Amino acid sequence: MNQRLLKFLENLYADGAKHDRAQPDRLLKRRNLEPDTADLLSMVVRIAGARTVVEIGTSNGYSTIWLADAVGDTGGTVVSVDTASLEEARNNLASADTVQPGVATRVEFRQEDGGAYLARLADESVDLLFLDAERVEYPNWWPHPARVLRRGGVLAIDNVLSHADEVAGFLKLLDRDFVGTTVAVGKGLHLASRLAERRTA
């Protein structure tokens, strides 16, 4: 990541944090991924060589830009899905592209329900799936978060420490299909790899 894009992201995060402090409605907050978490996630994309990345939960596009920068090193693309308007995210991505040309060409935005989008994807068609949406909805999307990931693919879930009770049920669903760990960065990032074969016990 070049320094101009990093500075742009620092300002975008600061603007989001300021917005959230003044916004009483939780659903209208931007709730951006913490910078350290975004940095770790971008490195996971690179280490995994992820080319097909799906993000559920776009907000203002902060994490999307991190992912778009990362797939620039893997030759990949990012699809970011959110039920809310994507206008702000599109504008921020366009601004990011002025300081690091090419990032915008790696992103496709889709305004729809995340679970419905995953349900339409082919089996094992995703290299990395990042969940950063309404956590209580994740179990309703099962089995698609597991089904769409290729064997060895990565599932990343944010807020697993800050909202442990809301993700506990979903994490239990992963027991037979994934091996994973929670990293104490930001609000807690769970990283899991889909096993080559499903556990039988």
N, C-alpha and C. Protein backbone atom coordinates (compact mmCIF):
# COMPACT_ATOMS: atom_id res chain seq x y z
N MET A 1 0.85 -1.19 0.00
CA MET A 1 0.00 0.00 0.00
C MET A 1 0.88 1.24 0.00
N ASN A 2 0.61 2.14 -0.94
CA ASN A 2 1.42 3.35 -0.94
C ASN A 2 1.01 4.29 0.19
N GLN A 3 1.89 5.21 0.53
CA GLN A 3 1.67 6.07 1.68
C GLN A 3 0.48 7.01 1.48
N ARG A 4 0.21 7.39 0.25
CA ARG A 4 -0.94 8.27 0.01
C ARG A 4 -2.25 7.54 0.29
N LEU A 5 -2.34 6.27 -0.09
CA LEU A 5 -3.55 5.50 0.19
C LEU A 5 -3.67 5.25 1.69
N LEU A 6 -2.58 4.96 2.34
CA LEU A 6 -2.61 4.74 3.78
C LEU A 6 -3.10 5.99 4.51
N LYS A 7 -2.63 7.16 4.09
CA LYS A 7 -3.08 8.41 4.69
C LYS A 7 -4.57 8.63 4.42
N PHE A 8 -5.01 8.33 3.21
CA PHE A 8 -6.43 8.45 2.87
C PHE A 8 -7.26 7.57 3.81
N LEU A 9 -6.81 6.34 4.04
CA LEU A 9 -7.54 5.43 4.91
C LEU A 9 -7.52 5.89 6.36
N GLU A 10 -6.43 6.47 6.80
CA GLU A 10 -6.36 7.01 8.15
C GLU A 10 -7.41 8.11 8.34
N ASN A 11 -7.52 8.98 7.34
CA ASN A 11 -8.50 10.06 7.41
C ASN A 11 -9.93 9.53 7.33
N LEU A 12 -10.14 8.51 6.51
CA LEU A 12 -11.46 7.91 6.37
C LEU A 12 -11.89 7.26 7.67
N TYR A 13 -10.96 6.57 8.32
CA TYR A 13 -11.27 5.94 9.60
C TYR A 13 -11.59 7.01 10.66
N ALA A 14 -10.79 8.07 10.72
CA ALA A 14 -11.02 9.14 11.68
C ALA A 14 -12.37 9.80 11.46
N ASP A 15 -12.73 10.00 10.20
CA ASP A 15 -14.03 10.58 9.89
C ASP A 15 -15.17 9.65 10.33
N GLY A 16 -14.97 8.36 10.12
CA GLY A 16 -15.98 7.39 10.54
C GLY A 16 -16.14 7.36 12.05
N ALA A 17 -15.02 7.41 12.78
CA ALA A 17 -15.08 7.41 14.24
C ALA A 17 -15.78 8.66 14.76
N LYS A 18 -15.51 9.80 14.15
CA LYS A 18 -16.17 11.05 14.54
C LYS A 18 -17.67 10.96 14.28
N HIS A 19 -18.03 10.43 13.12
CA HIS A 19 -19.45 10.25 12.77
C HIS A 19 -20.14 9.37 13.80
N ASP A 20 -19.51 8.26 14.18
CA ASP A 20 -20.13 7.31 15.10
C ASP A 20 -20.33 7.89 16.48
N ARG A 21 -19.41 8.73 16.92
CA ARG A 21 -19.55 9.36 18.24
C ARG A 21 -20.78 10.26 18.30
N ALA A 22 -21.14 10.85 17.17
CA ALA A 22 -22.27 11.79 17.13
C ALA A 22 -23.58 11.14 16.71
N GLN A 23 -23.53 9.86 16.34
CA GLN A 23 -24.72 9.17 15.81
C GLN A 23 -25.28 8.22 16.87
N PRO A 24 -26.48 8.52 17.41
CA PRO A 24 -27.04 7.66 18.46
C PRO A 24 -27.62 6.34 17.94
N ASP A 25 -28.00 6.30 16.67
CA ASP A 25 -28.62 5.11 16.09
C ASP A 25 -27.53 4.13 15.65
N ARG A 26 -27.47 2.96 16.31
CA ARG A 26 -26.42 1.98 16.01
C ARG A 26 -26.41 1.57 14.55
N LEU A 27 -27.59 1.44 13.96
CA LEU A 27 -27.67 0.98 12.58
C LEU A 27 -27.19 2.02 11.58
N LEU A 28 -27.08 3.27 12.02
CA LEU A 28 -26.60 4.33 11.14
C LEU A 28 -25.13 4.66 11.36
N LYS A 29 -24.53 3.99 12.32
CA LYS A 29 -23.10 4.19 12.54
C LYS A 29 -22.31 3.49 11.44
N ARG A 30 -21.08 3.95 11.19
CA ARG A 30 -20.24 3.33 10.17
C ARG A 30 -19.54 2.08 10.69
N ARG A 31 -19.21 2.09 11.98
CA ARG A 31 -18.65 0.90 12.63
C ARG A 31 -17.53 0.27 11.81
N ASN A 32 -16.58 1.12 11.41
CA ASN A 32 -15.48 0.63 10.59
C ASN A 32 -14.60 -0.36 11.33
N LEU A 33 -14.03 -1.26 10.57
CA LEU A 33 -13.02 -2.18 11.07
C LEU A 33 -11.86 -1.36 11.63
N GLU A 34 -11.32 -1.79 12.78
CA GLU A 34 -10.17 -1.07 13.34
C GLU A 34 -8.97 -1.22 12.42
N PRO A 35 -8.11 -0.20 12.34
CA PRO A 35 -6.96 -0.24 11.43
C PRO A 35 -6.08 -1.47 11.60
N ASP A 36 -5.80 -1.87 12.86
CA ASP A 36 -4.95 -3.05 13.07
C ASP A 36 -5.62 -4.32 12.54
N THR A 37 -6.94 -4.39 12.68
CA THR A 37 -7.67 -5.55 12.17
C THR A 37 -7.67 -5.55 10.65
N ALA A 38 -7.87 -4.37 10.07
CA ALA A 38 -7.85 -4.26 8.61
C ALA A 38 -6.49 -4.64 8.05
N ASP A 39 -5.44 -4.22 8.73
CA ASP A 39 -4.08 -4.55 8.30
C ASP A 39 -3.85 -6.06 8.35
N LEU A 40 -4.29 -6.69 9.45
CA LEU A 40 -4.16 -8.14 9.58
C LEU A 40 -4.95 -8.87 8.50
N LEU A 41 -6.18 -8.44 8.29
CA LEU A 41 -7.03 -9.08 7.28
C LEU A 41 -6.41 -8.97 5.89
N SER A 42 -5.84 -7.82 5.58
CA SER A 42 -5.21 -7.65 4.27
C SER A 42 -4.02 -8.58 4.10
N MET A 43 -3.28 -8.82 5.21
CA MET A 43 -2.16 -9.74 5.14
C MET A 43 -2.63 -11.18 4.97
N VAL A 44 -3.76 -11.53 5.59
CA VAL A 44 -4.32 -12.88 5.42
C VAL A 44 -4.70 -13.11 3.97
N VAL A 45 -5.27 -12.10 3.34
CA VAL A 45 -5.59 -12.20 1.91
C VAL A 45 -4.34 -12.53 1.11
N ARG A 46 -3.27 -11.83 1.39
CA ARG A 46 -2.02 -12.04 0.66
C ARG A 46 -1.41 -13.40 0.96
N ILE A 47 -1.37 -13.78 2.23
CA ILE A 47 -0.77 -15.05 2.62
C ILE A 47 -1.55 -16.22 2.01
N ALA A 48 -2.88 -16.10 2.00
CA ALA A 48 -3.72 -17.16 1.46
C ALA A 48 -3.74 -17.15 -0.07
N GLY A 49 -3.21 -16.10 -0.67
CA GLY A 49 -3.26 -15.98 -2.12
C GLY A 49 -4.70 -15.89 -2.62
N ALA A 50 -5.56 -15.26 -1.81
CA ALA A 50 -6.98 -15.20 -2.13
C ALA A 50 -7.24 -14.32 -3.36
N ARG A 51 -7.92 -14.90 -4.33
CA ARG A 51 -8.24 -14.17 -5.55
C ARG A 51 -9.73 -13.80 -5.63
N THR A 52 -10.58 -14.62 -5.04
CA THR A 52 -12.01 -14.34 -5.01
C THR A 52 -12.39 -14.04 -3.57
N VAL A 53 -12.60 -12.76 -3.28
CA VAL A 53 -12.88 -12.29 -1.93
C VAL A 53 -14.30 -11.74 -1.87
N VAL A 54 -15.06 -12.17 -0.88
CA VAL A 54 -16.41 -11.67 -0.67
C VAL A 54 -16.49 -11.05 0.71
N GLU A 55 -17.00 -9.82 0.75
CA GLU A 55 -17.19 -9.10 2.01
C GLU A 55 -18.68 -8.87 2.20
N ILE A 56 -19.21 -9.29 3.34
CA ILE A 56 -20.61 -9.02 3.67
C ILE A 56 -20.62 -7.95 4.75
N GLY A 57 -21.06 -6.75 4.38
CA GLY A 57 -21.04 -5.60 5.28
C GLY A 57 -20.07 -4.56 4.76
N THR A 58 -20.60 -3.61 3.99
CA THR A 58 -19.74 -2.64 3.29
C THR A 58 -19.53 -1.35 4.07
N SER A 59 -20.59 -0.84 4.68
CA SER A 59 -20.58 0.46 5.35
C SER A 59 -20.09 1.54 4.37
N ASN A 60 -19.07 2.30 4.75
CA ASN A 60 -18.58 3.38 3.88
C ASN A 60 -17.41 2.95 3.00
N GLY A 61 -17.13 1.65 2.95
CA GLY A 61 -16.10 1.15 2.05
C GLY A 61 -14.70 1.12 2.62
N TYR A 62 -14.55 1.42 3.91
CA TYR A 62 -13.21 1.45 4.51
C TYR A 62 -12.51 0.09 4.38
N SER A 63 -13.15 -0.96 4.88
CA SER A 63 -12.52 -2.28 4.79
C SER A 63 -12.44 -2.78 3.36
N THR A 64 -13.39 -2.36 2.54
CA THR A 64 -13.39 -2.75 1.12
C THR A 64 -12.11 -2.28 0.43
N ILE A 65 -11.70 -1.07 0.76
CA ILE A 65 -10.49 -0.50 0.15
C ILE A 65 -9.25 -1.27 0.60
N TRP A 66 -9.20 -1.64 1.88
CA TRP A 66 -8.10 -2.47 2.36
C TRP A 66 -8.03 -3.79 1.58
N LEU A 67 -9.19 -4.40 1.40
CA LEU A 67 -9.24 -5.69 0.68
C LEU A 67 -8.86 -5.50 -0.78
N ALA A 68 -9.33 -4.41 -1.39
CA ALA A 68 -9.01 -4.14 -2.80
C ALA A 68 -7.52 -3.94 -3.00
N ASP A 69 -6.88 -3.29 -2.04
CA ASP A 69 -5.43 -3.13 -2.12
C ASP A 69 -4.73 -4.48 -2.02
N ALA A 70 -5.23 -5.33 -1.12
CA ALA A 70 -4.60 -6.65 -0.92
C ALA A 70 -4.71 -7.53 -2.16
N VAL A 71 -5.89 -7.56 -2.79
CA VAL A 71 -6.04 -8.43 -3.96
C VAL A 71 -5.27 -7.90 -5.17
N GLY A 72 -4.78 -6.68 -5.08
CA GLY A 72 -3.88 -6.20 -6.11
C GLY A 72 -2.61 -7.02 -6.17
N ASP A 73 -2.24 -7.66 -5.05
CA ASP A 73 -1.05 -8.50 -5.00
C ASP A 73 -1.34 -9.96 -5.32
N THR A 74 -2.62 -10.34 -5.40
CA THR A 74 -2.97 -11.73 -5.70
C THR A 74 -3.63 -11.88 -7.07
N GLY A 75 -3.89 -10.74 -7.73
CA GLY A 75 -4.58 -10.78 -9.01
C GLY A 75 -6.05 -11.07 -8.86
N GLY A 76 -6.62 -10.69 -7.72
CA GLY A 76 -8.00 -11.03 -7.41
C GLY A 76 -8.96 -9.87 -7.48
N THR A 77 -10.18 -10.16 -7.03
CA THR A 77 -11.27 -9.17 -7.01
C THR A 77 -12.04 -9.30 -5.70
N VAL A 78 -12.79 -8.25 -5.38
CA VAL A 78 -13.60 -8.19 -4.17
C VAL A 78 -15.04 -7.91 -4.55
N VAL A 79 -15.96 -8.68 -4.00
CA VAL A 79 -17.39 -8.35 -4.08
C VAL A 79 -17.81 -7.96 -2.68
N SER A 80 -18.36 -6.74 -2.54
CA SER A 80 -18.79 -6.26 -1.23
C SER A 80 -20.31 -6.08 -1.26
N VAL A 81 -20.98 -6.68 -0.27
CA VAL A 81 -22.43 -6.77 -0.26
C VAL A 81 -22.99 -6.09 0.98
N ASP A 82 -24.03 -5.27 0.80
CA ASP A 82 -24.68 -4.62 1.93
C ASP A 82 -26.12 -4.32 1.56
N THR A 83 -26.99 -4.34 2.55
CA THR A 83 -28.40 -4.00 2.30
C THR A 83 -28.61 -2.49 2.22
N ALA A 84 -27.71 -1.72 2.82
CA ALA A 84 -27.84 -0.26 2.83
C ALA A 84 -27.32 0.35 1.53
N SER A 85 -27.57 1.63 1.38
CA SER A 85 -27.08 2.34 0.20
C SER A 85 -25.57 2.26 0.12
N LEU A 86 -25.06 2.09 -1.10
CA LEU A 86 -23.63 1.96 -1.32
C LEU A 86 -23.00 3.22 -1.92
N GLU A 87 -23.78 4.29 -1.95
CA GLU A 87 -23.29 5.51 -2.60
C GLU A 87 -22.03 6.05 -1.93
N GLU A 88 -22.04 6.11 -0.61
CA GLU A 88 -20.87 6.62 0.10
C GLU A 88 -19.65 5.73 -0.14
N ALA A 89 -19.86 4.43 -0.12
CA ALA A 89 -18.75 3.50 -0.37
C ALA A 89 -18.20 3.68 -1.78
N ARG A 90 -19.09 3.84 -2.75
CA ARG A 90 -18.64 4.05 -4.13
C ARG A 90 -17.82 5.33 -4.24
N ASN A 91 -18.27 6.38 -3.58
CA ASN A 91 -17.54 7.65 -3.64
C ASN A 91 -16.17 7.54 -2.98
N ASN A 92 -16.12 6.85 -1.84
CA ASN A 92 -14.83 6.68 -1.16
C ASN A 92 -13.87 5.82 -1.97
N LEU A 93 -14.40 4.80 -2.62
CA LEU A 93 -13.55 3.96 -3.46
C LEU A 93 -13.01 4.77 -4.64
N ALA A 94 -13.86 5.61 -5.23
CA ALA A 94 -13.41 6.46 -6.34
C ALA A 94 -12.31 7.41 -5.88
N SER A 95 -12.46 7.96 -4.67
CA SER A 95 -11.42 8.85 -4.13
C SER A 95 -10.13 8.08 -3.87
N ALA A 96 -10.25 6.85 -3.36
CA ALA A 96 -9.07 6.03 -3.14
C ALA A 96 -8.34 5.74 -4.44
N ASP A 97 -9.11 5.58 -5.50
CA ASP A 97 -8.52 5.27 -6.80
C ASP A 97 -7.69 6.43 -7.34
N THR A 98 -7.98 7.64 -6.89
CA THR A 98 -7.20 8.79 -7.35
C THR A 98 -5.80 8.81 -6.72
N VAL A 99 -5.67 8.18 -5.55
CA VAL A 99 -4.35 8.15 -4.90
C VAL A 99 -3.63 6.83 -5.13
N GLN A 100 -4.39 5.79 -5.49
CA GLN A 100 -3.76 4.52 -5.89
C GLN A 100 -4.57 3.93 -7.04
N PRO A 101 -4.26 4.37 -8.25
CA PRO A 101 -5.04 3.93 -9.41
C PRO A 101 -5.10 2.41 -9.52
N GLY A 102 -6.29 1.91 -9.81
CA GLY A 102 -6.48 0.48 -10.00
C GLY A 102 -7.32 -0.18 -8.93
N VAL A 103 -7.39 0.42 -7.73
CA VAL A 103 -8.14 -0.25 -6.66
C VAL A 103 -9.62 -0.35 -7.01
N ALA A 104 -10.16 0.66 -7.67
CA ALA A 104 -11.60 0.64 -7.97
C ALA A 104 -11.97 -0.45 -8.96
N THR A 105 -11.05 -0.80 -9.84
CA THR A 105 -11.35 -1.83 -10.86
C THR A 105 -11.45 -3.23 -10.25
N ARG A 106 -11.01 -3.38 -9.01
CA ARG A 106 -11.01 -4.70 -8.37
C ARG A 106 -12.24 -4.95 -7.52
N VAL A 107 -13.17 -4.01 -7.48
CA VAL A 107 -14.31 -4.10 -6.57
C VAL A 107 -15.63 -4.09 -7.32
N GLU A 108 -16.53 -4.97 -6.90
CA GLU A 108 -17.92 -4.94 -7.35
C GLU A 108 -18.80 -4.79 -6.11
N PHE A 109 -19.67 -3.77 -6.12
CA PHE A 109 -20.62 -3.56 -5.02
C PHE A 109 -21.96 -4.16 -5.39
N ARG A 110 -22.61 -4.78 -4.38
CA ARG A 110 -23.95 -5.33 -4.58
C ARG A 110 -24.82 -4.94 -3.40
N GLN A 111 -25.95 -4.28 -3.67
CA GLN A 111 -26.88 -3.90 -2.60
C GLN A 111 -27.97 -4.96 -2.50
N GLU A 112 -27.79 -5.86 -1.55
CA GLU A 112 -28.76 -6.94 -1.32
C GLU A 112 -28.44 -7.63 -0.01
N ASP A 113 -29.31 -8.54 0.39
CA ASP A 113 -29.10 -9.32 1.60
C ASP A 113 -27.90 -10.24 1.43
N GLY A 114 -27.03 -10.25 2.44
CA GLY A 114 -25.82 -11.05 2.35
C GLY A 114 -26.10 -12.54 2.25
N GLY A 115 -27.06 -13.02 3.02
CA GLY A 115 -27.40 -14.42 2.98
C GLY A 115 -27.94 -14.85 1.63
N ALA A 116 -28.78 -14.01 1.03
CA ALA A 116 -29.34 -14.31 -0.28
C ALA A 116 -28.24 -14.35 -1.34
N TYR A 117 -27.27 -13.45 -1.22
CA TYR A 117 -26.16 -13.45 -2.17
C TYR A 117 -25.33 -14.74 -2.05
N LEU A 118 -25.01 -15.12 -0.82
CA LEU A 118 -24.22 -16.34 -0.62
C LEU A 118 -24.97 -17.56 -1.12
N ALA A 119 -26.28 -17.58 -0.95
CA ALA A 119 -27.08 -18.74 -1.37
C ALA A 119 -27.00 -18.98 -2.87
N ARG A 120 -26.73 -17.94 -3.64
CA ARG A 120 -26.67 -18.07 -5.10
C ARG A 120 -25.29 -18.47 -5.61
N LEU A 121 -24.27 -18.37 -4.77
CA LEU A 121 -22.92 -18.67 -5.23
C LEU A 121 -22.70 -20.17 -5.38
N ALA A 122 -21.81 -20.52 -6.29
CA ALA A 122 -21.49 -21.93 -6.52
C ALA A 122 -20.66 -22.49 -5.36
N ASP A 123 -20.71 -23.80 -5.20
CA ASP A 123 -19.90 -24.48 -4.19
C ASP A 123 -18.42 -24.17 -4.41
N GLU A 124 -17.71 -23.91 -3.31
CA GLU A 124 -16.25 -23.74 -3.31
C GLU A 124 -15.78 -22.71 -4.34
N SER A 125 -16.52 -21.61 -4.43
CA SER A 125 -16.19 -20.57 -5.42
C SER A 125 -15.50 -19.35 -4.82
N VAL A 126 -15.31 -19.34 -3.50
CA VAL A 126 -14.76 -18.19 -2.80
C VAL A 126 -13.48 -18.59 -2.07
N ASP A 127 -12.47 -17.74 -2.16
CA ASP A 127 -11.20 -18.00 -1.46
C ASP A 127 -11.20 -17.44 -0.05
N LEU A 128 -11.81 -16.27 0.13
CA LEU A 128 -11.88 -15.65 1.45
C LEU A 128 -13.23 -14.96 1.60
N LEU A 129 -13.92 -15.28 2.69
CA LEU A 129 -15.21 -14.67 3.01
C LEU A 129 -15.06 -13.90 4.30
N PHE A 130 -15.39 -12.61 4.26
CA PHE A 130 -15.30 -11.75 5.44
C PHE A 130 -16.70 -11.33 5.85
N LEU A 131 -17.08 -11.68 7.08
CA LEU A 131 -18.39 -11.33 7.61
C LEU A 131 -18.26 -10.18 8.60
N ASP A 132 -18.92 -9.07 8.28
CA ASP A 132 -18.89 -7.88 9.14
C ASP A 132 -20.23 -7.18 9.04
N ALA A 133 -21.31 -7.94 9.26
CA ALA A 133 -22.66 -7.41 9.12
C ALA A 133 -23.43 -7.62 10.43
N GLU A 134 -24.73 -7.80 10.33
CA GLU A 134 -25.54 -8.05 11.52
C GLU A 134 -25.30 -9.48 11.99
N ARG A 135 -24.60 -9.61 13.08
CA ARG A 135 -24.08 -10.90 13.53
C ARG A 135 -25.18 -11.93 13.82
N VAL A 136 -26.32 -11.47 14.32
CA VAL A 136 -27.39 -12.42 14.66
C VAL A 136 -27.97 -13.09 13.42
N GLU A 137 -27.68 -12.55 12.25
CA GLU A 137 -28.19 -13.14 11.01
C GLU A 137 -27.33 -14.30 10.51
N TYR A 138 -26.09 -14.39 10.94
CA TYR A 138 -25.17 -15.38 10.37
C TYR A 138 -25.69 -16.81 10.43
N PRO A 139 -26.25 -17.27 11.56
CA PRO A 139 -26.74 -18.66 11.58
C PRO A 139 -27.84 -18.92 10.56
N ASN A 140 -28.62 -17.88 10.24
CA ASN A 140 -29.69 -18.05 9.25
C ASN A 140 -29.14 -18.26 7.84
N TRP A 141 -27.89 -17.92 7.63
CA TRP A 141 -27.27 -18.06 6.31
C TRP A 141 -26.66 -19.45 6.10
N TRP A 142 -26.56 -20.22 7.17
CA TRP A 142 -25.94 -21.54 7.10
C TRP A 142 -26.77 -22.46 6.19
N PRO A 143 -26.13 -23.30 5.36
CA PRO A 143 -24.71 -23.68 5.34
C PRO A 143 -23.88 -22.89 4.33
N HIS A 144 -24.46 -21.85 3.76
CA HIS A 144 -23.80 -21.19 2.63
C HIS A 144 -22.43 -20.59 2.95
N PRO A 145 -22.21 -19.99 4.15
CA PRO A 145 -20.85 -19.48 4.43
C PRO A 145 -19.78 -20.57 4.35
N ALA A 146 -20.14 -21.81 4.68
CA ALA A 146 -19.17 -22.91 4.56
C ALA A 146 -19.16 -23.46 3.14
N ARG A 147 -20.32 -23.63 2.55
CA ARG A 147 -20.44 -24.26 1.24
C ARG A 147 -19.69 -23.51 0.15
N VAL A 148 -19.75 -22.17 0.19
CA VAL A 148 -19.17 -21.39 -0.91
C VAL A 148 -17.65 -21.30 -0.84
N LEU A 149 -17.08 -21.59 0.33
CA LEU A 149 -15.62 -21.51 0.49
C LEU A 149 -14.95 -22.75 -0.07
N ARG A 150 -13.88 -22.53 -0.81
CA ARG A 150 -13.09 -23.67 -1.28
C ARG A 150 -12.42 -24.33 -0.10
N ARG A 151 -12.05 -25.60 -0.26
CA ARG A 151 -11.29 -26.29 0.77
C ARG A 151 -9.96 -25.56 0.96
N GLY A 152 -9.66 -25.22 2.19
CA GLY A 152 -8.47 -24.42 2.48
C GLY A 152 -8.74 -22.93 2.44
N GLY A 153 -9.95 -22.56 2.05
CA GLY A 153 -10.33 -21.15 2.02
C GLY A 153 -10.48 -20.59 3.43
N VAL A 154 -10.51 -19.26 3.53
CA VAL A 154 -10.50 -18.58 4.82
C VAL A 154 -11.83 -17.89 5.08
N LEU A 155 -12.36 -18.10 6.28
CA LEU A 155 -13.52 -17.37 6.78
C LEU A 155 -13.04 -16.43 7.87
N ALA A 156 -13.34 -15.14 7.72
CA ALA A 156 -12.95 -14.14 8.72
C ALA A 156 -14.21 -13.48 9.26
N ILE A 157 -14.30 -13.37 10.58
CA ILE A 157 -15.48 -12.81 11.23
C ILE A 157 -15.03 -11.77 12.24
N ASP A 158 -15.55 -10.56 12.12
CA ASP A 158 -15.17 -9.49 13.05
C ASP A 158 -16.12 -9.45 14.25
N ASN A 159 -15.71 -8.76 15.30
CA ASN A 159 -16.52 -8.49 16.50
C ASN A 159 -16.78 -9.73 17.35
N VAL A 160 -15.91 -10.71 17.29
CA VAL A 160 -16.18 -11.94 18.04
C VAL A 160 -15.82 -11.82 19.53
N LEU A 161 -15.08 -10.80 19.91
CA LEU A 161 -14.81 -10.55 21.32
C LEU A 161 -15.74 -9.47 21.88
N SER A 162 -15.99 -8.44 21.09
CA SER A 162 -16.86 -7.36 21.56
C SER A 162 -18.32 -7.79 21.63
N HIS A 163 -18.71 -8.75 20.80
CA HIS A 163 -20.10 -9.23 20.78
C HIS A 163 -20.11 -10.76 20.80
N ALA A 164 -19.41 -11.31 21.76
CA ALA A 164 -19.22 -12.77 21.81
C ALA A 164 -20.54 -13.53 21.86
N ASP A 165 -21.51 -12.99 22.60
CA ASP A 165 -22.79 -13.69 22.73
C ASP A 165 -23.54 -13.76 21.41
N GLU A 166 -23.33 -12.77 20.54
CA GLU A 166 -24.05 -12.72 19.27
C GLU A 166 -23.45 -13.65 18.22
N VAL A 167 -22.21 -14.04 18.38
CA VAL A 167 -21.57 -14.91 17.39
C VAL A 167 -21.32 -16.33 17.89
N ALA A 168 -21.58 -16.57 19.17
CA ALA A 168 -21.25 -17.87 19.76
C ALA A 168 -21.95 -19.01 19.02
N GLY A 169 -23.23 -18.85 18.72
CA GLY A 169 -23.97 -19.90 18.03
C GLY A 169 -23.42 -20.18 16.65
N PHE A 170 -23.05 -19.14 15.95
CA PHE A 170 -22.51 -19.31 14.59
C PHE A 170 -21.15 -20.01 14.65
N LEU A 171 -20.31 -19.62 15.61
CA LEU A 171 -19.00 -20.25 15.73
C LEU A 171 -19.11 -21.74 16.01
N LYS A 172 -20.14 -22.15 16.74
CA LYS A 172 -20.33 -23.58 17.01
C LYS A 172 -20.65 -24.35 15.74
N LEU A 173 -21.30 -23.68 14.77
CA LEU A 173 -21.62 -24.34 13.51
C LEU A 173 -20.35 -24.67 12.71
N LEU A 174 -19.26 -23.99 13.02
CA LEU A 174 -18.02 -24.18 12.27
C LEU A 174 -17.23 -25.40 12.73
N ASP A 175 -17.61 -25.98 13.86
CA ASP A 175 -16.77 -26.99 14.51
C ASP A 175 -16.34 -28.14 13.60
N ARG A 176 -17.23 -28.63 12.75
CA ARG A 176 -16.89 -29.81 11.94
C ARG A 176 -16.23 -29.47 10.60
N ASP A 177 -16.44 -28.26 10.13
CA ASP A 177 -15.95 -27.90 8.80
C ASP A 177 -14.67 -27.07 8.81
N PHE A 178 -14.33 -26.49 9.96
CA PHE A 178 -13.24 -25.51 10.00
C PHE A 178 -12.30 -25.76 11.17
N VAL A 179 -11.09 -25.27 11.02
CA VAL A 179 -10.18 -25.11 12.15
C VAL A 179 -9.86 -23.63 12.22
N GLY A 180 -9.98 -23.06 13.43
CA GLY A 180 -9.81 -21.61 13.50
C GLY A 180 -9.36 -21.13 14.85
N THR A 181 -9.14 -19.83 14.93
CA THR A 181 -8.73 -19.20 16.17
C THR A 181 -9.19 -17.76 16.16
N THR A 182 -9.38 -17.21 17.35
CA THR A 182 -9.75 -15.80 17.48
C THR A 182 -8.51 -15.00 17.85
N VAL A 183 -8.27 -13.96 17.09
CA VAL A 183 -7.12 -13.09 17.32
C VAL A 183 -7.60 -11.85 18.08
N ALA A 184 -6.94 -11.54 19.18
CA ALA A 184 -7.32 -10.40 20.02
C ALA A 184 -6.78 -9.11 19.42
N VAL A 185 -7.32 -8.76 18.27
CA VAL A 185 -6.97 -7.50 17.62
C VAL A 185 -8.28 -6.75 17.36
N GLY A 186 -8.27 -5.43 17.58
CA GLY A 186 -9.50 -4.67 17.41
C GLY A 186 -10.59 -5.20 18.32
N LYS A 187 -11.74 -5.52 17.75
CA LYS A 187 -12.86 -6.06 18.52
C LYS A 187 -12.94 -7.58 18.46
N GLY A 188 -11.84 -8.18 17.99
CA GLY A 188 -11.76 -9.64 17.93
C GLY A 188 -12.05 -10.15 16.53
N LEU A 189 -11.04 -10.73 15.88
CA LEU A 189 -11.19 -11.27 14.54
C LEU A 189 -11.01 -12.78 14.59
N HIS A 190 -12.05 -13.51 14.20
CA HIS A 190 -11.94 -14.96 14.14
C HIS A 190 -11.52 -15.35 12.74
N LEU A 191 -10.46 -16.15 12.65
CA LEU A 191 -9.95 -16.63 11.37
C LEU A 191 -10.07 -18.14 11.34
N ALA A 192 -10.69 -18.67 10.31
CA ALA A 192 -10.89 -20.11 10.22
C ALA A 192 -10.63 -20.58 8.79
N SER A 193 -10.03 -21.75 8.68
CA SER A 193 -9.77 -22.35 7.38
C SER A 193 -10.66 -23.56 7.19
N ARG A 194 -11.30 -23.66 6.03
CA ARG A 194 -12.17 -24.80 5.76
C ARG A 194 -11.32 -26.06 5.55
N LEU A 195 -11.66 -27.11 6.27
CA LEU A 195 -10.90 -28.34 6.24
C LEU A 195 -11.04 -29.06 4.90
N ALA A 196 -10.02 -29.83 4.56
CA ALA A 196 -10.06 -30.62 3.34
C ALA A 196 -11.16 -31.67 3.40
N GLU A 197 -11.40 -32.20 4.60
CA GLU A 197 -12.48 -33.17 4.80
C GLU A 197 -13.22 -32.82 6.08
N ARG A 198 -14.52 -33.01 6.07
CA ARG A 198 -15.34 -32.71 7.24
C ARG A 198 -15.03 -33.68 8.37
N ARG A 199 -14.92 -33.15 9.59
CA ARG A 199 -14.72 -34.02 10.75
C ARG A 199 -15.96 -34.90 10.96
N THR A 200 -15.74 -36.11 11.37
CA THR A 200 -16.86 -37.04 11.59
C THR A 200 -17.30 -37.10 13.04
N ALA A 201 -16.51 -36.52 13.94
CA ALA A 201 -16.88 -36.54 15.35
C ALA A 201 -16.38 -35.27 16.03
